[in-house]
Amino acid sequence: MRKEVTVNMSQSMEATPIAHLVQLANQFASQIYFEMDTKKVNAKSIMGMMSLVLASGMVVTIDANGEDEIEAAAALEKFLTE
């Protein structure tokens, strides 16, 4: 499942929010990747996610594959947009 999401967060994606995002991704069995421009990183990797430097207004593609991919994509989209 692939879902394009526009990041809309009041706080910048610094270490703490990224850590929460990675913890959320790790709750799911599916393989989850974030794609932006030419980068593709594992959403369950803190170092990979920090390398994306996400900011409000950016567009990222969530690529989830597995038994709970729909739930995973929805939860990550909610995190990025609220």
C-alpha atoms as a PDB file:
ATOM      1  CA  MET A   1       0.000   0.000   0.000  1.00  0.00           C
ATOM      2  CA  ARG A   2       1.344   3.407  -0.978  1.00  0.00           C
ATOM      3  CA  LYS A   3      -0.031   6.676   0.360  1.00  0.00           C
ATOM      4  CA  GLU A   4       1.146  10.201  -0.377  1.00  0.00           C
ATOM      5  CA  VAL A   5       0.938  12.508   2.643  1.00  0.00           C
ATOM      6  CA  THR A   6       1.635  16.205   3.101  1.00  0.00           C
ATOM      7  CA  VAL A   7       3.314  16.770   6.464  1.00  0.00           C
ATOM      8  CA  ASN A   8       1.313  19.219   8.577  1.00  0.00           C
ATOM      9  CA  MET A   9       2.767  19.414  12.054  1.00  0.00           C
ATOM     10  CA  SER A  10       2.976  22.386  14.388  1.00  0.00           C
ATOM     11  CA  GLN A  11       6.345  21.292  15.725  1.00  0.00           C
ATOM     12  CA  SER A  12       9.401  20.593  13.612  1.00  0.00           C
ATOM     13  CA  MET A  13      10.469  16.996  13.140  1.00  0.00           C
ATOM     14  CA  GLU A  14      13.377  17.035  15.539  1.00  0.00           C
ATOM     15  CA  ALA A  15      14.653  14.118  17.609  1.00  0.00           C
ATOM     16  CA  THR A  16      11.684  13.678  19.961  1.00  0.00           C
ATOM     17  CA  PRO A  17       8.866  13.662  17.361  1.00  0.00           C
ATOM     18  CA  ILE A  18      10.927  11.411  15.104  1.00  0.00           C
ATOM     19  CA  ALA A  19      11.497   9.001  17.994  1.00  0.00           C
ATOM     20  CA  HIS A  20       7.721   8.877  18.554  1.00  0.00           C
ATOM     21  CA  LEU A  21       7.157   8.287  14.837  1.00  0.00           C
ATOM     22  CA  VAL A  22       9.668   5.410  14.812  1.00  0.00           C
ATOM     23  CA  GLN A  23       8.060   3.914  17.939  1.00  0.00           C
ATOM     24  CA  LEU A  24       4.674   4.094  16.224  1.00  0.00           C
ATOM     25  CA  ALA A  25       6.022   2.403  13.078  1.00  0.00           C
ATOM     26  CA  ASN A  26       7.546  -0.367  15.190  1.00  0.00           C
ATOM     27  CA  GLN A  27       4.102  -1.262  16.572  1.00  0.00           C
ATOM     28  CA  PHE A  28       3.201  -2.752  13.185  1.00  0.00           C
ATOM     29  CA  ALA A  29       4.359  -6.020  11.632  1.00  0.00           C
ATOM     30  CA  SER A  30       4.414  -4.563   8.114  1.00  0.00           C
ATOM     31  CA  GLN A  31       7.538  -3.311   6.419  1.00  0.00           C
ATOM     32  CA  ILE A  32       7.190   0.474   6.290  1.00  0.00           C
ATOM     33  CA  TYR A  33       9.251   2.893   4.248  1.00  0.00           C
ATOM     34  CA  PHE A  34       9.075   6.643   3.765  1.00  0.00           C
ATOM     35  CA  GLU A  35       9.979   7.976   0.347  1.00  0.00           C
ATOM     36  CA  MET A  36      10.801  11.597  -0.405  1.00  0.00           C
ATOM     37  CA  ASP A  37      12.487  12.819  -3.573  1.00  0.00           C
ATOM     38  CA  THR A  38      15.113  10.146  -4.289  1.00  0.00           C
ATOM     39  CA  LYS A  39      15.405   8.871  -0.697  1.00  0.00           C
ATOM     40  CA  LYS A  40      13.723   5.742   0.633  1.00  0.00           C
ATOM     41  CA  VAL A  41      14.208   5.001   4.331  1.00  0.00           C
ATOM     42  CA  ASN A  42      12.937   2.409   6.774  1.00  0.00           C
ATOM     43  CA  ALA A  43      10.335   4.084   9.019  1.00  0.00           C
ATOM     44  CA  LYS A  44      11.442   1.795  11.856  1.00  0.00           C
ATOM     45  CA  SER A  45      14.986   3.220  11.787  1.00  0.00           C
ATOM     46  CA  ILE A  46      15.661   6.336  13.857  1.00  0.00           C
ATOM     47  CA  MET A  47      18.777   7.198  11.851  1.00  0.00           C
ATOM     48  CA  GLY A  48      16.998   6.710   8.542  1.00  0.00           C
ATOM     49  CA  MET A  49      14.068   8.876   9.587  1.00  0.00           C
ATOM     50  CA  MET A  50      16.347  11.638  10.875  1.00  0.00           C
ATOM     51  CA  SER A  51      18.067  11.707   7.484  1.00  0.00           C
ATOM     52  CA  LEU A  52      14.791  12.748   5.789  1.00  0.00           C
ATOM     53  CA  VAL A  53      14.613  16.073   7.664  1.00  0.00           C
ATOM     54  CA  LEU A  54      10.806  16.257   7.464  1.00  0.00           C
ATOM     55  CA  ALA A  55       9.157  19.650   7.807  1.00  0.00           C
ATOM     56  CA  SER A  56       5.618  20.963   7.564  1.00  0.00           C
ATOM     57  CA  GLY A  57       4.457  21.270   3.957  1.00  0.00           C
ATOM     58  CA  MET A  58       6.705  18.527   2.604  1.00  0.00           C
ATOM     59  CA  VAL A  59       5.179  15.617   0.720  1.00  0.00           C
ATOM     60  CA  VAL A  60       6.239  12.102   1.697  1.00  0.00           C
ATOM     61  CA  THR A  61       5.065   8.733   0.405  1.00  0.00           C
ATOM     62  CA  ILE A  62       4.338   6.028   2.970  1.00  0.00           C
ATOM     63  CA  ASP A  63       5.020   2.575   1.524  1.00  0.00           C
ATOM     64  CA  ALA A  64       3.648  -0.158   3.806  1.00  0.00           C
ATOM     65  CA  ASN A  65       3.664  -3.844   2.927  1.00  0.00           C
ATOM     66  CA  GLY A  66       2.340  -6.597   5.184  1.00  0.00           C
ATOM     67  CA  GLU A  67      -0.589  -7.959   7.132  1.00  0.00           C
ATOM     68  CA  ASP A  68      -1.418  -4.645   8.844  1.00  0.00           C
ATOM     69  CA  GLU A  69      -0.354  -2.247   6.074  1.00  0.00           C
ATOM     70  CA  ILE A  70      -3.668  -0.367   5.948  1.00  0.00           C
ATOM     71  CA  GLU A  71      -3.649   0.309   9.693  1.00  0.00           C
ATOM     72  CA  ALA A  72       0.041   1.233   9.633  1.00  0.00           C
ATOM     73  CA  ALA A  73      -0.344   3.727   6.790  1.00  0.00           C
ATOM     74  CA  ALA A  74      -3.396   5.294   8.437  1.00  0.00           C
ATOM     75  CA  ALA A  75      -1.680   5.663  11.822  1.00  0.00           C
ATOM     76  CA  LEU A  76       1.440   7.211  10.314  1.00  0.00           C
ATOM     77  CA  GLU A  77      -0.622   9.573   8.171  1.00  0.00           C
ATOM     78  CA  LYS A  78      -2.539  10.689  11.262  1.00  0.00           C
ATOM     79  CA  PHE A  79       0.726  11.280  13.143  1.00  0.00           C
ATOM     80  CA  LEU A  80       2.137  13.404  10.316  1.00  0.00           C
ATOM     81  CA  THR A  81      -0.969  15.494   9.763  1.00  0.00           C
ATOM     82  CA  GLU A  82      -2.237  16.266  13.274  1.00  0.00           C
END
